[in-house]
C-alpha atoms as a PDB file:
ATOM      1  CA  MET A   1      21.778   6.558  27.497  1.00  0.00           C
ATOM      2  CA  THR A   2      22.460   2.921  26.671  1.00  0.00           C
ATOM      3  CA  GLN A   3      23.391   1.859  23.233  1.00  0.00           C
ATOM      4  CA  VAL A   4      20.257   1.402  20.987  1.00  0.00           C
ATOM      5  CA  PRO A   5      20.057  -2.125  19.483  1.00  0.00           C
ATOM      6  CA  TYR A   6      19.900  -2.449  15.661  1.00  0.00           C
ATOM      7  CA  LEU A   7      17.779  -5.043  13.997  1.00  0.00           C
ATOM      8  CA  SER A   8      19.338  -5.918  10.641  1.00  0.00           C
ATOM      9  CA  ALA A   9      17.684  -7.195   7.487  1.00  0.00           C
ATOM     10  CA  ALA A  10      18.551 -10.712   8.482  1.00  0.00           C
ATOM     11  CA  ASP A  11      17.172 -10.217  11.961  1.00  0.00           C
ATOM     12  CA  LEU A  12      13.822  -9.057  10.653  1.00  0.00           C
ATOM     13  CA  GLU A  13      13.545 -11.787   8.045  1.00  0.00           C
ATOM     14  CA  ARG A  14      14.018 -14.295  10.884  1.00  0.00           C
ATOM     15  CA  LEU A  15      11.641 -12.616  13.293  1.00  0.00           C
ATOM     16  CA  LEU A  16       8.764 -11.696  10.945  1.00  0.00           C
ATOM     17  CA  ASP A  17       7.409 -14.855   9.478  1.00  0.00           C
ATOM     18  CA  TYR A  18       4.322 -14.199   7.367  1.00  0.00           C
ATOM     19  CA  PRO A  19       1.673 -16.191   9.301  1.00  0.00           C
ATOM     20  CA  SER A  20       2.570 -14.281  12.418  1.00  0.00           C
ATOM     21  CA  LEU A  21       3.022 -10.952  10.673  1.00  0.00           C
ATOM     22  CA  VAL A  22      -0.337 -11.130   8.955  1.00  0.00           C
ATOM     23  CA  ASP A  23      -1.906 -11.755  12.325  1.00  0.00           C
ATOM     24  CA  ALA A  24      -0.061  -8.876  13.825  1.00  0.00           C
ATOM     25  CA  LEU A  25      -1.263  -6.607  11.199  1.00  0.00           C
ATOM     26  CA  ALA A  26      -4.853  -7.692  11.692  1.00  0.00           C
ATOM     27  CA  GLN A  27      -4.486  -6.800  15.374  1.00  0.00           C
ATOM     28  CA  GLY A  28      -2.839  -3.524  14.500  1.00  0.00           C
ATOM     29  CA  PHE A  29      -5.603  -2.392  12.158  1.00  0.00           C
ATOM     30  CA  ALA A  30      -8.197  -3.323  14.804  1.00  0.00           C
ATOM     31  CA  ALA A  31      -6.314  -1.265  17.450  1.00  0.00           C
ATOM     32  CA  ASP A  32      -6.800   2.413  18.274  1.00  0.00           C
ATOM     33  CA  TRP A  33      -3.403   3.823  17.352  1.00  0.00           C
ATOM     34  CA  THR A  34      -2.715   7.396  16.287  1.00  0.00           C
ATOM     35  CA  VAL A  35      -1.525   7.635  12.716  1.00  0.00           C
ATOM     36  CA  PRO A  36      -0.948  11.197  11.293  1.00  0.00           C
ATOM     37  CA  VAL A  37      -1.083  11.713   7.594  1.00  0.00           C
ATOM     38  CA  ARG A  38       2.404  10.952   6.234  1.00  0.00           C
ATOM     39  CA  HIS A  39       4.637  13.522   4.638  1.00  0.00           C
ATOM     40  CA  HIS A  40       5.101  12.724   0.925  1.00  0.00           C
ATOM     41  CA  TYR A  41       7.650  14.668  -1.140  1.00  0.00           C
ATOM     42  CA  SER A  42       8.901  14.354  -4.735  1.00  0.00           C
ATOM     43  CA  ILE A  43      12.591  15.154  -5.283  1.00  0.00           C
ATOM     44  CA  SER A  44      13.705  15.781  -8.862  1.00  0.00           C
ATOM     45  CA  ILE A  45      16.921  14.102  -9.993  1.00  0.00           C
ATOM     46  CA  SER A  46      18.560  15.153 -13.236  1.00  0.00           C
ATOM     47  CA  GLY A  47      18.438  12.499 -15.948  1.00  0.00           C
ATOM     48  CA  GLU A  48      16.174   9.957 -14.163  1.00  0.00           C
ATOM     49  CA  ALA A  49      12.746   9.544 -12.644  1.00  0.00           C
ATOM     50  CA  ALA A  50      11.889  11.621  -9.563  1.00  0.00           C
ATOM     51  CA  GLN A  51      12.721  10.167  -6.202  1.00  0.00           C
ATOM     52  CA  THR A  52      10.064   9.956  -3.485  1.00  0.00           C
ATOM     53  CA  LEU A  53      10.631  10.753   0.213  1.00  0.00           C
ATOM     54  CA  LEU A  54       8.227   9.446   2.801  1.00  0.00           C
ATOM     55  CA  LEU A  55       8.132  10.405   6.512  1.00  0.00           C
ATOM     56  CA  MET A  56       5.715   8.260   8.542  1.00  0.00           C
ATOM     57  CA  ALA A  57       4.896   8.193  12.267  1.00  0.00           C
ATOM     58  CA  ALA A  58       2.498   6.505  14.630  1.00  0.00           C
ATOM     59  CA  TRP A  59       2.044   6.059  18.301  1.00  0.00           C
ATOM     60  CA  ASP A  60       0.212   4.169  21.038  1.00  0.00           C
ATOM     61  CA  ALA A  61      -0.102   6.930  23.640  1.00  0.00           C
ATOM     62  CA  GLY A  62       2.031   6.109  26.707  1.00  0.00           C
ATOM     63  CA  GLN A  63       3.354   2.922  25.106  1.00  0.00           C
ATOM     64  CA  ALA A  64       5.420   3.472  22.096  1.00  0.00           C
ATOM     65  CA  ILE A  65       6.177   5.914  19.318  1.00  0.00           C
ATOM     66  CA  VAL A  66       7.489   4.871  15.885  1.00  0.00           C
ATOM     67  CA  MET A  67       9.036   6.853  12.960  1.00  0.00           C
ATOM     68  CA  LYS A  68      10.192   5.832   9.535  1.00  0.00           C
ATOM     69  CA  LEU A  69      12.159   7.614   6.865  1.00  0.00           C
ATOM     70  CA  ALA A  70      11.883   5.944   3.500  1.00  0.00           C
ATOM     71  CA  THR A  71      13.084   6.766  -0.048  1.00  0.00           C
ATOM     72  CA  ILE A  72      11.858   5.311  -3.387  1.00  0.00           C
ATOM     73  CA  THR A  73      14.436   5.762  -6.078  1.00  0.00           C
ATOM     74  CA  PRO A  74      13.323   4.318  -9.437  1.00  0.00           C
ATOM     75  CA  GLY A  75      16.725   4.973 -10.922  1.00  0.00           C
ATOM     76  CA  ASN A  76      18.385   2.458  -8.595  1.00  0.00           C
ATOM     77  CA  GLY A  77      17.588  -0.445 -10.931  1.00  0.00           C
ATOM     78  CA  PRO A  78      20.374   0.195 -13.355  1.00  0.00           C
ATOM     79  CA  ARG A  79      22.692   0.754 -10.394  1.00  0.00           C
ATOM     80  CA  GLY A  80      21.980  -2.728  -9.092  1.00  0.00           C
ATOM     81  CA  LEU A  81      20.418  -1.241  -5.956  1.00  0.00           C
ATOM     82  CA  PRO A  82      17.020  -1.669  -4.378  1.00  0.00           C
ATOM     83  CA  ALA A  83      14.417   1.089  -5.212  1.00  0.00           C
ATOM     84  CA  VAL A  84      13.160   1.198  -1.649  1.00  0.00           C
ATOM     85  CA  ASN A  85      15.459   2.206   1.257  1.00  0.00           C
ATOM     86  CA  ALA A  86      14.384   3.045   4.728  1.00  0.00           C
ATOM     87  CA  VAL A  87      15.338   3.314   8.421  1.00  0.00           C
ATOM     88  CA  TYR A  88      12.930   2.735  11.253  1.00  0.00           C
ATOM     89  CA  LEU A  89      13.025   3.993  14.859  1.00  0.00           C
ATOM     90  CA  LEU A  90      11.053   2.650  17.823  1.00  0.00           C
ATOM     91  CA  VAL A  91      10.820   5.027  20.793  1.00  0.00           C
ATOM     92  CA  ASP A  92       9.640   4.208  24.409  1.00  0.00           C
ATOM     93  CA  GLY A  93       6.340   5.951  24.904  1.00  0.00           C
ATOM     94  CA  PRO A  94       6.579   6.842  28.624  1.00  0.00           C
ATOM     95  CA  THR A  95      10.161   8.205  28.450  1.00  0.00           C
ATOM     96  CA  GLY A  96      10.676   9.263  24.816  1.00  0.00           C
ATOM     97  CA  GLN A  97      13.974   7.360  24.707  1.00  0.00           C
ATOM     98  CA  PRO A  98      14.946   5.288  21.589  1.00  0.00           C
ATOM     99  CA  ARG A  99      14.452   1.546  22.031  1.00  0.00           C
ATOM    100  CA  ALA A 100      15.512   0.101  18.706  1.00  0.00           C
ATOM    101  CA  LEU A 101      16.680   1.077  15.216  1.00  0.00           C
ATOM    102  CA  MET A 102      15.651  -1.270  12.427  1.00  0.00           C
ATOM    103  CA  ASP A 103      16.376  -1.942   8.739  1.00  0.00           C
ATOM    104  CA  GLY A 104      13.410  -0.066   7.281  1.00  0.00           C
ATOM    105  CA  ALA A 105      13.683  -1.626   3.801  1.00  0.00           C
ATOM    106  CA  VAL A 106      13.123  -5.239   4.862  1.00  0.00           C
ATOM    107  CA  LEU A 107      10.496  -4.148   7.422  1.00  0.00           C
ATOM    108  CA  THR A 108       8.607  -2.203   4.733  1.00  0.00           C
ATOM    109  CA  VAL A 109       8.828  -5.000   2.164  1.00  0.00           C
ATOM    110  CA  ARG A 110       7.578  -7.644   4.585  1.00  0.00           C
ATOM    111  CA  ARG A 111       4.778  -5.577   6.116  1.00  0.00           C
ATOM    112  CA  THR A 112       3.672  -4.517   2.551  1.00  0.00           C
ATOM    113  CA  ALA A 113       3.378  -8.146   1.453  1.00  0.00           C
ATOM    114  CA  ALA A 114       1.653  -9.070   4.668  1.00  0.00           C
ATOM    115  CA  ALA A 115      -0.867  -6.281   4.206  1.00  0.00           C
ATOM    116  CA  SER A 116      -1.852  -7.596   0.850  1.00  0.00           C
ATOM    117  CA  ALA A 117      -2.053 -11.148   2.190  1.00  0.00           C
ATOM    118  CA  LEU A 118      -4.263  -9.819   5.098  1.00  0.00           C
ATOM    119  CA  ALA A 119      -6.605  -8.111   2.602  1.00  0.00           C
ATOM    120  CA  ALA A 120      -6.812 -11.347   0.513  1.00  0.00           C
ATOM    121  CA  ARG A 121      -7.735 -13.181   3.697  1.00  0.00           C
ATOM    122  CA  TYR A 122     -10.999 -11.165   3.593  1.00  0.00           C
ATOM    123  CA  LEU A 123     -11.391 -10.583  -0.094  1.00  0.00           C
ATOM    124  CA  ALA A 124     -10.021 -13.535  -2.095  1.00  0.00           C
ATOM    125  CA  ARG A 125     -11.900 -16.795  -2.489  1.00  0.00           C
ATOM    126  CA  LYS A 126     -10.863 -19.214   0.296  1.00  0.00           C
ATOM    127  CA  GLU A 127     -10.091 -21.885  -2.309  1.00  0.00           C
ATOM    128  CA  ALA A 128      -7.849 -19.596  -4.433  1.00  0.00           C
ATOM    129  CA  SER A 129      -5.159 -21.824  -5.948  1.00  0.00           C
ATOM    130  CA  VAL A 130      -3.697 -19.882  -8.841  1.00  0.00           C
ATOM    131  CA  MET A 131      -1.773 -16.621  -8.370  1.00  0.00           C
ATOM    132  CA  LEU A 132      -0.233 -14.232 -10.838  1.00  0.00           C
ATOM    133  CA  MET A 133       2.628 -11.979  -9.759  1.00  0.00           C
ATOM    134  CA  VAL A 134       2.990  -8.993 -12.020  1.00  0.00           C
ATOM    135  CA  GLY A 135       6.500  -7.560 -11.573  1.00  0.00           C
ATOM    136  CA  ALA A 136       9.780  -9.255 -11.039  1.00  0.00           C
ATOM    137  CA  GLY A 137      11.360  -6.870  -8.600  1.00  0.00           C
ATOM    138  CA  ALA A 138      12.225  -7.021  -4.858  1.00  0.00           C
ATOM    139  CA  LEU A 139       8.621  -7.483  -3.907  1.00  0.00           C
ATOM    140  CA  SER A 140       7.838 -10.517  -6.062  1.00  0.00           C
ATOM    141  CA  ARG A 141       9.235 -13.139  -3.614  1.00  0.00           C
ATOM    142  CA  PRO A 142       7.731 -11.572  -0.449  1.00  0.00           C
ATOM    143  CA  PHE A 143       4.307 -11.228  -2.071  1.00  0.00           C
ATOM    144  CA  ILE A 144       4.298 -14.801  -3.203  1.00  0.00           C
ATOM    145  CA  GLU A 145       5.338 -16.094   0.153  1.00  0.00           C
ATOM    146  CA  ALA A 146       2.816 -13.917   1.973  1.00  0.00           C
ATOM    147  CA  HIS A 147      -0.119 -15.084  -0.125  1.00  0.00           C
ATOM    148  CA  LEU A 148       1.057 -18.661   0.078  1.00  0.00           C
ATOM    149  CA  SER A 149       0.785 -18.345   3.850  1.00  0.00           C
ATOM    150  CA  GLN A 150      -2.964 -17.496   3.649  1.00  0.00           C
ATOM    151  CA  HIS A 151      -4.349 -19.460   0.619  1.00  0.00           C
ATOM    152  CA  PRO A 152      -3.915 -22.969  -0.822  1.00  0.00           C
ATOM    153  CA  ILE A 153      -2.096 -21.721  -3.855  1.00  0.00           C
ATOM    154  CA  LYS A 154      -0.755 -24.529  -6.037  1.00  0.00           C
ATOM    155  CA  ARG A 155       0.606 -22.570  -9.053  1.00  0.00           C
ATOM    156  CA  VAL A 156       2.181 -19.076  -9.339  1.00  0.00           C
ATOM    157  CA  TYR A 157       2.821 -17.374 -12.675  1.00  0.00           C
ATOM    158  CA  LEU A 158       5.253 -14.463 -12.849  1.00  0.00           C
ATOM    159  CA  TRP A 159       5.063 -11.771 -15.544  1.00  0.00           C
ATOM    160  CA  ALA A 160       7.410  -8.880 -16.266  1.00  0.00           C
ATOM    161  CA  ARG A 161       7.837  -6.769 -19.389  1.00  0.00           C
ATOM    162  CA  GLU A 162      11.338  -8.056 -19.963  1.00  0.00           C
ATOM    163  CA  ALA A 163      11.264 -11.746 -20.883  1.00  0.00           C
ATOM    164  CA  ALA A 164      14.833 -12.328 -19.635  1.00  0.00           C
ATOM    165  CA  LYS A 165      14.013 -10.823 -16.221  1.00  0.00           C
ATOM    166  CA  ARG A 166      10.902 -12.854 -15.688  1.00  0.00           C
ATOM    167  CA  GLU A 167      12.553 -16.075 -16.837  1.00  0.00           C
ATOM    168  CA  THR A 168      15.482 -15.446 -14.448  1.00  0.00           C
ATOM    169  CA  LYS A 169      13.312 -14.486 -11.427  1.00  0.00           C
ATOM    170  CA  ALA A 170      10.941 -17.455 -12.002  1.00  0.00           C
ATOM    171  CA  LYS A 171      13.894 -19.857 -12.024  1.00  0.00           C
ATOM    172  CA  GLU A 172      15.342 -18.142  -8.995  1.00  0.00           C
ATOM    173  CA  LEU A 173      12.093 -18.543  -6.999  1.00  0.00           C
ATOM    174  CA  ALA A 174      11.478 -22.004  -8.192  1.00  0.00           C
ATOM    175  CA  ALA A 175      14.926 -22.997  -6.901  1.00  0.00           C
ATOM    176  CA  LEU A 176      13.809 -21.835  -3.510  1.00  0.00           C
ATOM    177  CA  GLY A 177      10.897 -24.368  -3.627  1.00  0.00           C
ATOM    178  CA  LEU A 178       8.214 -21.956  -4.610  1.00  0.00           C
ATOM    179  CA  PRO A 179       5.719 -23.086  -7.252  1.00  0.00           C
ATOM    180  CA  VAL A 180       6.666 -20.347  -9.770  1.00  0.00           C
ATOM    181  CA  GLU A 181       6.873 -20.455 -13.507  1.00  0.00           C
ATOM    182  CA  PRO A 182       7.145 -17.491 -16.030  1.00  0.00           C
ATOM    183  CA  ALA A 183       4.093 -16.248 -17.898  1.00  0.00           C
ATOM    184  CA  GLY A 184       4.616 -15.151 -21.407  1.00  0.00           C
ATOM    185  CA  ASP A 185       1.190 -13.654 -22.100  1.00  0.00           C
ATOM    186  CA  LEU A 186      -0.185 -11.249 -19.511  1.00  0.00           C
ATOM    187  CA  GLU A 187      -3.817 -11.406 -20.685  1.00  0.00           C
ATOM    188  CA  GLN A 188      -3.876 -15.200 -20.590  1.00  0.00           C
ATOM    189  CA  ALA A 189      -2.307 -15.266 -17.122  1.00  0.00           C
ATOM    190  CA  VAL A 190      -4.736 -12.694 -15.702  1.00  0.00           C
ATOM    191  CA  ARG A 191      -7.737 -14.584 -17.101  1.00  0.00           C
ATOM    192  CA  GLY A 192      -6.699 -17.787 -15.353  1.00  0.00           C
ATOM    193  CA  ALA A 193      -5.654 -16.303 -11.992  1.00  0.00           C
ATOM    194  CA  ASP A 194      -7.623 -16.263  -8.742  1.00  0.00           C
ATOM    195  CA  ILE A 195      -5.245 -13.684  -7.145  1.00  0.00           C
ATOM    196  CA  ILE A 196      -3.360 -11.138  -9.164  1.00  0.00           C
ATOM    197  CA  SER A 197      -0.783  -9.088  -7.348  1.00  0.00           C
ATOM    198  CA  CYS A 198       0.797  -6.122  -9.117  1.00  0.00           C
ATOM    199  CA  ALA A 199       4.032  -4.526  -7.751  1.00  0.00           C
ATOM    200  CA  THR A 200       5.509  -2.416 -10.562  1.00  0.00           C
ATOM    201  CA  LEU A 201       6.495   1.154 -11.341  1.00  0.00           C
ATOM    202  CA  SER A 202       4.092   1.429 -14.233  1.00  0.00           C
ATOM    203  CA  THR A 203       2.461   4.715 -15.244  1.00  0.00           C
ATOM    204  CA  ALA A 204       0.076   3.050 -17.662  1.00  0.00           C
ATOM    205  CA  PRO A 205      -2.514   0.300 -16.966  1.00  0.00           C
ATOM    206  CA  LEU A 206      -1.231  -3.149 -17.210  1.00  0.00           C
ATOM    207  CA  VAL A 207      -4.210  -5.258 -16.009  1.00  0.00           C
ATOM    208  CA  LYS A 208      -7.464  -4.745 -17.960  1.00  0.00           C
ATOM    209  CA  GLY A 209     -10.832  -5.192 -16.315  1.00  0.00           C
ATOM    210  CA  ALA A 210     -12.140  -7.227 -19.276  1.00  0.00           C
ATOM    211  CA  TRP A 211      -9.562  -9.902 -18.430  1.00  0.00           C
ATOM    212  CA  LEU A 212     -10.716 -10.499 -14.752  1.00  0.00           C
ATOM    213  CA  LYS A 213     -12.697 -13.664 -14.300  1.00  0.00           C
ATOM    214  CA  PRO A 214     -15.626 -13.958 -11.942  1.00  0.00           C
ATOM    215  CA  GLY A 215     -14.287 -14.316  -8.383  1.00  0.00           C
ATOM    216  CA  ALA A 216     -10.837 -12.910  -9.088  1.00  0.00           C
ATOM    217  CA  HIS A 217      -9.030 -10.714  -6.578  1.00  0.00           C
ATOM    218  CA  LEU A 218      -6.816  -7.902  -7.776  1.00  0.00           C
ATOM    219  CA  ASP A 219      -4.067  -6.659  -5.481  1.00  0.00           C
ATOM    220  CA  LEU A 220      -2.502  -3.313  -6.544  1.00  0.00           C
ATOM    221  CA  VAL A 221       0.630  -2.102  -4.762  1.00  0.00           C
ATOM    222  CA  GLY A 222       3.004  -0.515  -7.210  1.00  0.00           C
ATOM    223  CA  ALA A 223       1.216   2.723  -8.164  1.00  0.00           C
ATOM    224  CA  PHE A 224       2.112   4.810  -5.186  1.00  0.00           C
ATOM    225  CA  THR A 225       1.782   8.344  -6.791  1.00  0.00           C
ATOM    226  CA  PRO A 226      -1.271   9.958  -8.285  1.00  0.00           C
ATOM    227  CA  GLU A 227       0.241   9.674 -11.809  1.00  0.00           C
ATOM    228  CA  MET A 228       0.930   5.881 -11.692  1.00  0.00           C
ATOM    229  CA  ARG A 229      -1.592   3.100 -12.269  1.00  0.00           C
ATOM    230  CA  GLU A 230      -1.548  -0.603 -12.802  1.00  0.00           C
ATOM    231  CA  CYS A 231      -5.199  -1.220 -13.865  1.00  0.00           C
ATOM    232  CA  ASP A 232      -7.618   0.398 -16.208  1.00  0.00           C
ATOM    233  CA  ASP A 233     -10.995   2.052 -15.492  1.00  0.00           C
ATOM    234  CA  GLU A 234     -12.874  -1.095 -16.337  1.00  0.00           C
ATOM    235  CA  ALA A 235     -11.122  -3.077 -13.671  1.00  0.00           C
ATOM    236  CA  VAL A 236     -12.141  -0.386 -11.094  1.00  0.00           C
ATOM    237  CA  THR A 237     -15.764  -0.312 -12.238  1.00  0.00           C
ATOM    238  CA  ARG A 238     -16.195  -4.088 -12.425  1.00  0.00           C
ATOM    239  CA  ALA A 239     -14.697  -4.709  -8.978  1.00  0.00           C
ATOM    240  CA  SER A 240     -15.805  -4.102  -5.461  1.00  0.00           C
ATOM    241  CA  LEU A 241     -13.224  -1.663  -4.144  1.00  0.00           C
ATOM    242  CA  PHE A 242     -11.177  -1.831  -0.927  1.00  0.00           C
ATOM    243  CA  CYS A 243      -8.036  -0.210   0.324  1.00  0.00           C
ATOM    244  CA  ASP A 244      -5.546  -0.120   3.178  1.00  0.00           C
ATOM    245  CA  THR A 245      -6.510   3.431   4.284  1.00  0.00           C
ATOM    246  CA  ARG A 246      -8.858   5.789   2.526  1.00  0.00           C
ATOM    247  CA  ALA A 247      -6.702   8.785   3.536  1.00  0.00           C
ATOM    248  CA  GLY A 248      -3.829   7.378   1.559  1.00  0.00           C
ATOM    249  CA  ALA A 249      -5.379   5.357  -1.272  1.00  0.00           C
ATOM    250  CA  LEU A 250      -7.811   8.131  -2.429  1.00  0.00           C
ATOM    251  CA  LYS A 251      -5.080  10.756  -2.485  1.00  0.00           C
ATOM    252  CA  GLU A 252      -1.858   8.918  -3.417  1.00  0.00           C
ATOM    253  CA  GLY A 253      -2.483   5.871  -5.546  1.00  0.00           C
ATOM    254  CA  GLY A 254      -3.298   6.610  -9.202  1.00  0.00           C
ATOM    255  CA  ASP A 255      -5.348   3.393  -9.521  1.00  0.00           C
ATOM    256  CA  LEU A 256      -8.113   5.041  -7.582  1.00  0.00           C
ATOM    257  CA  VAL A 257      -7.068   8.771  -7.820  1.00  0.00           C
ATOM    258  CA  ILE A 258      -7.185   8.882 -11.642  1.00  0.00           C
ATOM    259  CA  PRO A 259     -10.710   7.390 -12.021  1.00  0.00           C
ATOM    260  CA  LEU A 260     -11.879   9.450  -9.007  1.00  0.00           C
ATOM    261  CA  LYS A 261     -10.853  12.666 -10.654  1.00  0.00           C
ATOM    262  CA  ALA A 262     -12.366  11.586 -13.976  1.00  0.00           C
ATOM    263  CA  GLY A 263     -15.694  10.913 -12.235  1.00  0.00           C
ATOM    264  CA  VAL A 264     -15.598   7.164 -13.019  1.00  0.00           C
ATOM    265  CA  ILE A 265     -15.910   6.391  -9.350  1.00  0.00           C
ATOM    266  CA  LYS A 266     -16.714   8.322  -6.085  1.00  0.00           C
ATOM    267  CA  GLU A 267     -15.002   8.220  -2.775  1.00  0.00           C
ATOM    268  CA  SER A 268     -18.080   6.287  -1.503  1.00  0.00           C
ATOM    269  CA  SER A 269     -17.247   3.598  -4.135  1.00  0.00           C
ATOM    270  CA  VAL A 270     -14.639   2.189  -1.692  1.00  0.00           C
ATOM    271  CA  LYS A 271     -16.584  -0.287   0.412  1.00  0.00           C
ATOM    272  CA  ALA A 272     -14.105  -0.637   3.265  1.00  0.00           C
ATOM    273  CA  ASP A 273     -10.449  -0.284   4.379  1.00  0.00           C
ATOM    274  CA  LEU A 274      -8.336  -2.680   6.365  1.00  0.00           C
ATOM    275  CA  ALA A 275      -9.479  -1.265   9.693  1.00  0.00           C
ATOM    276  CA  ASP A 276     -13.056  -1.936   8.714  1.00  0.00           C
ATOM    277  CA  LEU A 277     -12.249  -5.444   7.678  1.00  0.00           C
ATOM    278  CA  ALA A 278     -10.130  -6.217  10.727  1.00  0.00           C
ATOM    279  CA  ARG A 279     -12.736  -4.862  13.131  1.00  0.00           C
ATOM    280  CA  GLY A 280     -15.599  -6.812  11.396  1.00  0.00           C
ATOM    281  CA  VAL A 281     -17.392  -3.637  10.279  1.00  0.00           C
ATOM    282  CA  HIS A 282     -17.357  -5.028   6.737  1.00  0.00           C
ATOM    283  CA  LYS A 283     -17.320  -8.754   6.146  1.00  0.00           C
ATOM    284  CA  GLY A 284     -15.279  -8.620   2.870  1.00  0.00           C
ATOM    285  CA  ARG A 285     -16.075 -10.844  -0.060  1.00  0.00           C
ATOM    286  CA  ALA A 286     -19.921 -11.099  -0.555  1.00  0.00           C
ATOM    287  CA  SER A 287     -20.093 -13.916  -3.104  1.00  0.00           C
ATOM    288  CA  ALA A 288     -17.986 -16.445  -5.002  1.00  0.00           C
ATOM    289  CA  ASP A 289     -18.400 -14.551  -8.273  1.00  0.00           C
ATOM    290  CA  GLU A 290     -17.654 -11.075  -6.841  1.00  0.00           C
ATOM    291  CA  ILE A 291     -14.482  -9.438  -8.319  1.00  0.00           C
ATOM    292  CA  THR A 292     -12.591  -7.639  -5.607  1.00  0.00           C
ATOM    293  CA  LEU A 293      -9.866  -4.960  -5.856  1.00  0.00           C
ATOM    294  CA  PHE A 294      -7.482  -3.962  -3.101  1.00  0.00           C
ATOM    295  CA  LYS A 295      -5.428  -0.808  -3.392  1.00  0.00           C
ATOM    296  CA  SER A 296      -2.448  -0.410  -1.049  1.00  0.00           C
ATOM    297  CA  VAL A 297      -0.254   2.554  -0.622  1.00  0.00           C
ATOM    298  CA  GLY A 298       1.171   1.695   2.866  1.00  0.00           C
ATOM    299  CA  THR A 299       0.501   3.106   6.317  1.00  0.00           C
ATOM    300  CA  ALA A 300       2.414   3.466   9.546  1.00  0.00           C
ATOM    301  CA  VAL A 301       0.042   1.040  11.235  1.00  0.00           C
ATOM    302  CA  GLU A 302       1.744  -1.794   9.287  1.00  0.00           C
ATOM    303  CA  ASP A 303       5.175  -0.614  10.329  1.00  0.00           C
ATOM    304  CA  PHE A 304       4.152  -0.258  13.901  1.00  0.00           C
ATOM    305  CA  ALA A 305       2.637  -3.790  14.023  1.00  0.00           C
ATOM    306  CA  ALA A 306       5.705  -5.303  12.400  1.00  0.00           C
ATOM    307  CA  ALA A 307       8.153  -3.489  14.794  1.00  0.00           C
ATOM    308  CA  ARG A 308       6.170  -4.553  17.860  1.00  0.00           C
ATOM    309  CA  LEU A 309       6.111  -8.156  16.670  1.00  0.00           C
ATOM    310  CA  ALA A 310       9.877  -8.119  16.157  1.00  0.00           C
ATOM    311  CA  MET A 311      10.478  -6.633  19.640  1.00  0.00           C
ATOM    312  CA  THR A 312       8.071  -9.141  21.152  1.00  0.00           C
ATOM    313  CA  ARG A 313       9.928 -11.986  19.449  1.00  0.00           C
ATOM    314  CA  LEU A 314      13.179 -10.618  21.004  1.00  0.00           C
ATOM    315  CA  GLY A 315      11.558 -10.666  24.431  1.00  0.00           C
ATOM    316  CA  THR A 316      11.906  -6.940  24.942  1.00  0.00           C
END
């Protein structure tokens, strides 16, 4: 067997520009790929928050098979290491032989940001010009860049619990040419934003529904376990609800799981997922004043679409 090529983080950042990646994800969600329910495990680590292990697969029968192993380690922050680490394998469908190994962390970050930007294509107001990024971690820059690729955003505010962290991150992003400035007051920033993206490890609501202005779009990414959440019940009841996949969002993400278990919402409260939106089954935003909420927990469809785009760009 010939040596399997490895696509590094730098390779994927070069190959997966956001306009192309968002389009690739739209095509992926409209396709008829097989995506089994992912395996999701919690691993206890003494003295720190539990680690999460994710095993994800998908395939286009007779064409390609993909597999990803990912870990989410909240305790990596003090170590100066990224919380998300992953490796991704693309396998030839007809023969079952490996075709490429990829840096799963960058692929995951970029496809996650692109999925939210894709959702916003259908759910945010077309003229959305003010964005709030809640969280100053590794996802902040990708999310800002992805949303900028889809909407005429003129100002981006960044909020994090630690003032020093949000000031440093805002300066870092502004130095890259992004229109970012720190937000000192979360409520004020939410009230003025057209698009609010949350990518945190919060276990308690950060964004309150009372703060959302008519026409706002709330993008929730960080609460990836049933115990975590980034918004309160009022946000969920005020908004029209959407998600990446019902199978994931209604079982794994606390922003929907918690109010669902409490009887605040029903499974039928979710109007559509990304497949419905990409296939035109649901048109998305219904009016200028509608408040929309998108819950993302991730799916192998996004990884598959990103990996295929990278291989296409390489001409293989």
